[in-house]
Protein backbone atom coordinates (compact mmCIF):
# COMPACT_ATOMS: atom_id res chain seq x y z
CA MET A 1 -16.66 -4.60 17.15
CA PHE A 2 -19.21 -2.10 15.96
CA LYS A 3 -22.71 -1.44 17.34
CA ALA A 4 -25.46 -1.52 14.73
CA GLY A 5 -29.05 -1.31 15.94
CA GLY A 6 -28.04 -2.33 19.47
CA GLU A 7 -26.21 -5.42 18.18
CA GLU A 8 -22.44 -5.85 18.20
CA VAL A 9 -21.18 -6.65 14.73
CA MET A 10 -17.65 -7.82 13.94
CA LEU A 11 -16.46 -5.91 10.88
CA THR A 12 -14.00 -7.61 8.55
CA CYS A 13 -12.08 -6.63 5.48
CA GLU A 14 -13.50 -7.25 2.04
CA THR A 15 -11.74 -8.20 -1.19
CA GLY A 16 -9.96 -5.15 -2.59
CA ASP A 17 -9.80 -3.16 0.66
CA ILE A 18 -6.64 -1.11 0.97
CA LEU A 19 -4.80 -1.59 4.28
CA LEU A 20 -2.50 1.29 5.28
CA TYR A 21 -0.04 0.91 8.16
CA SER A 22 1.11 3.92 10.21
CA THR A 23 2.86 2.46 13.28
CA PRO A 24 6.33 1.29 12.27
CA PRO A 25 7.38 -1.95 14.00
CA ASN A 26 11.13 -1.68 13.36
CA PHE A 27 14.02 0.57 12.37
CA ASP A 28 13.60 0.01 8.61
CA THR A 29 9.99 1.13 8.65
CA CYS A 30 10.85 4.09 10.89
CA LEU A 31 13.18 5.22 8.09
CA VAL A 32 10.28 5.05 5.61
CA ILE A 33 8.20 7.28 7.91
CA GLU A 34 11.12 9.75 8.19
CA GLY A 35 11.36 9.81 4.39
CA GLU A 36 7.65 10.53 4.14
CA ARG A 37 8.04 13.36 6.69
CA MET A 38 10.83 14.84 4.58
CA GLU A 39 8.73 14.59 1.42
CA ASP A 40 5.49 15.95 2.93
CA PRO A 41 6.23 17.78 6.21
CA GLY A 42 3.48 18.74 8.64
CA GLU A 43 0.97 15.94 8.12
CA SER A 44 -0.80 14.51 11.16
CA ARG A 45 -0.18 10.88 10.15
CA TYR A 46 2.23 9.04 7.86
CA PHE A 47 1.96 5.58 6.33
CA PHE A 48 4.94 3.27 5.81
CA HIS A 49 3.27 0.18 4.31
CA VAL A 50 0.21 -0.79 2.28
CA ALA A 51 -1.43 -4.14 1.46
CA ILE A 52 -4.57 -5.36 -0.31
CA ALA A 53 -7.19 -7.56 1.34
CA LEU A 54 -7.91 -10.74 -0.62
CA ASP A 55 -10.79 -11.66 1.70
CA ALA A 56 -11.66 -11.33 5.40
CA ASN A 57 -8.60 -13.33 6.48
CA ARG A 58 -5.81 -12.87 3.93
CA LYS A 59 -3.90 -10.01 2.34
CA ILE A 60 -1.32 -9.73 -0.42
CA GLU A 61 1.72 -7.54 0.12
CA ALA A 62 5.34 -6.91 -0.82
CA ARG A 63 7.37 -6.80 2.38
CA GLY A 64 11.14 -6.99 2.40
CA LYS A 65 11.75 -10.23 0.48
CA THR A 66 8.92 -11.16 -1.89
CA VAL A 67 5.31 -10.58 -2.81
CA ALA A 68 3.32 -12.98 -0.63
CA ILE A 69 -0.06 -13.76 0.88
CA ASP A 70 -0.22 -13.32 4.65
CA GLN A 71 -2.89 -13.44 7.36
CA ILE A 72 -4.62 -10.13 8.01
CA ASP A 73 -3.37 -8.56 11.24
CA TYR A 74 -6.50 -6.71 12.40
CA GLY A 75 -5.97 -3.62 14.54
CA GLN A 76 -2.66 -2.74 12.91
CA PHE A 77 -3.84 -0.68 9.94
CA ALA A 78 -6.39 1.80 8.62
CA VAL A 79 -8.84 0.35 6.07
CA PHE A 80 -10.06 2.11 2.95
CA ARG A 81 -12.63 0.83 0.47
CA PRO A 82 -12.40 2.85 -2.75
CA PRO A 83 -15.42 2.56 -5.07
CA VAL A 84 -13.95 0.05 -7.50
CA PRO A 85 -16.68 -1.92 -9.33
CA PRO A 86 -16.71 -5.64 -8.31
CA SER A 87 -15.84 -6.85 -11.81
CA ARG A 88 -12.77 -4.63 -11.80
CA ILE A 89 -11.76 -5.69 -8.28
CA GLN A 90 -11.34 -9.25 -9.52
CA ALA A 91 -9.23 -8.15 -12.49
CA GLY A 92 -6.97 -6.16 -10.15
CA ILE A 93 -6.67 -9.03 -7.67
CA GLU A 94 -5.76 -11.46 -10.46
CA ALA A 95 -3.00 -9.10 -11.64
CA VAL A 96 -1.41 -8.79 -8.19
CA ARG A 97 -1.72 -12.56 -7.59
CA GLU A 98 0.50 -13.03 -10.66
CA CYS A 99 3.22 -11.17 -8.72
CA ILE A 100 3.35 -13.74 -5.89
CA GLY A 101 6.95 -14.80 -5.44
CA GLN A 102 8.45 -11.75 -7.17
CA HIS A 103 11.41 -10.34 -5.29
CA TYR A 104 11.20 -7.11 -3.34
CA ASP A 105 12.35 -4.06 -5.32
CA TRP A 106 15.23 -2.76 -3.23
CA LEU A 107 16.36 -0.60 -6.16
CA ALA A 108 13.12 1.41 -5.85
CA ILE A 109 13.66 1.76 -2.08
CA ILE A 110 17.23 3.02 -2.61
CA ASN A 111 15.96 5.44 -5.26
CA ASP A 112 13.25 6.74 -2.89
CA GLY A 113 15.80 7.15 -0.07
CA MET A 114 18.17 9.12 -2.28
CA SER A 115 15.30 11.28 -3.45
CA TYR A 116 14.05 11.97 0.10
CA LEU A 117 17.51 12.79 1.47
CA THR A 118 18.40 15.18 -1.36
CA ARG A 119 14.93 16.69 -1.78
CA ASP A 120 14.68 15.17 -5.29
CA LEU A 121 18.09 16.40 -6.46
CA ALA A 122 19.65 12.93 -6.71
CA HIS A 123 18.11 9.64 -7.75
CA LEU A 124 18.91 6.56 -9.78
CA PRO A 125 18.41 6.62 -13.57
CA ASP A 126 14.72 6.15 -14.46
CA LYS A 127 15.64 3.32 -16.88
CA TRP A 128 17.10 1.28 -14.01
CA VAL A 129 14.06 1.80 -11.81
CA ALA A 130 11.64 1.10 -14.68
CA SER A 131 13.41 -2.12 -15.73
CA SER A 132 13.41 -3.39 -12.15
CA GLU A 133 9.71 -2.57 -11.68
CA HIS A 134 8.63 -5.16 -14.26
CA LYS A 135 10.26 -7.99 -12.29
CA ARG A 136 10.07 -6.72 -8.70
CA LYS A 137 7.57 -4.91 -6.46
CA ILE A 138 7.38 -2.78 -3.36
CA CYS A 139 4.15 -2.53 -1.40
CA SER A 140 2.91 0.65 -3.05
CA SER A 141 3.82 -0.43 -6.60
CA LEU A 142 1.78 -3.59 -6.01
CA VAL A 143 -1.26 -1.46 -5.09
CA ALA A 144 -0.57 0.83 -8.08
CA LEU A 145 -0.70 -2.29 -10.31
CA TYR A 146 -4.00 -3.28 -8.67
CA PHE A 147 -5.50 0.17 -9.38
CA LYS A 148 -4.17 0.25 -12.94
CA THR A 149 -5.58 -3.20 -13.78
CA ALA A 150 -8.87 -2.36 -12.06
CA SER A 151 -9.01 0.88 -14.11
CA TRP A 152 -9.46 2.98 -10.97
CA GLY A 153 -7.72 5.97 -9.42
CA PRO A 154 -4.82 8.14 -10.45
CA LYS A 155 -2.05 7.03 -12.78
CA PHE A 156 1.08 6.57 -10.69
CA GLY A 157 4.62 7.05 -11.99
CA LEU A 158 7.77 5.09 -11.21
CA THR A 159 7.99 6.33 -7.63
CA VAL A 160 4.81 5.67 -5.71
CA SER A 161 4.70 5.63 -1.92
CA PRO A 162 2.20 4.50 0.71
CA GLU A 163 1.46 8.23 1.16
CA ASP A 164 0.51 8.48 -2.53
CA ILE A 165 -1.84 5.53 -2.08
CA TYR A 166 -3.37 7.20 0.99
CA GLU A 167 -3.99 10.38 -1.00
CA ALA A 168 -5.86 8.30 -3.61
CA VAL A 169 -8.11 6.46 -1.10
CA LYS A 170 -8.47 8.81 1.89
CA GLU A 171 -12.07 9.69 1.03
CA TRP A 172 -13.24 6.09 1.59
CA PRO A 173 -12.30 4.99 5.14
CA VAL A 174 -14.09 1.98 6.59
CA VAL A 175 -15.49 3.20 9.92
CA GLY A 176 -15.14 0.64 12.69
CA LEU A 177 -12.16 -1.08 11.05
CA THR A 178 -9.68 1.77 11.22
CA ALA A 179 -6.80 1.43 13.67
CA GLY A 180 -5.69 4.47 15.63
């Protein structure tokens, strides 16, 4: 709820909003946070997962098994609304919808883990990671595809993390919808 002119208004997500999660619910996601801490020490907050709002009730995300549409879990994430023109939002959403059913990219996760643990000294061959990326997604590569198709934001490489997505959108938080 948000007070506007003395009236309580229920804020909801809009198509193209970026949802960033910072409270890990399980051991796997705690490991992602630890990796982010190793990569960028000293930050006040780390993000382990990112999704894209399709509308006020549904989001698209890559989580563990496949790319899928799920119900939005309000109160669990911080919301960012980068200034992507509406016509480009639709192009980006259509591109990520084409990924529904794609398998989760565990090769990218293993590569990220190796990179975090060795401070970028060891990782899988780029060709392996690149070939897997065309057929599989992780949450942040799905958002990177959205941005690329919508012609917005930085150009991300093979290894993109929820933290990288946060850096791209941090200037556009949605006040009243941001979880603590």
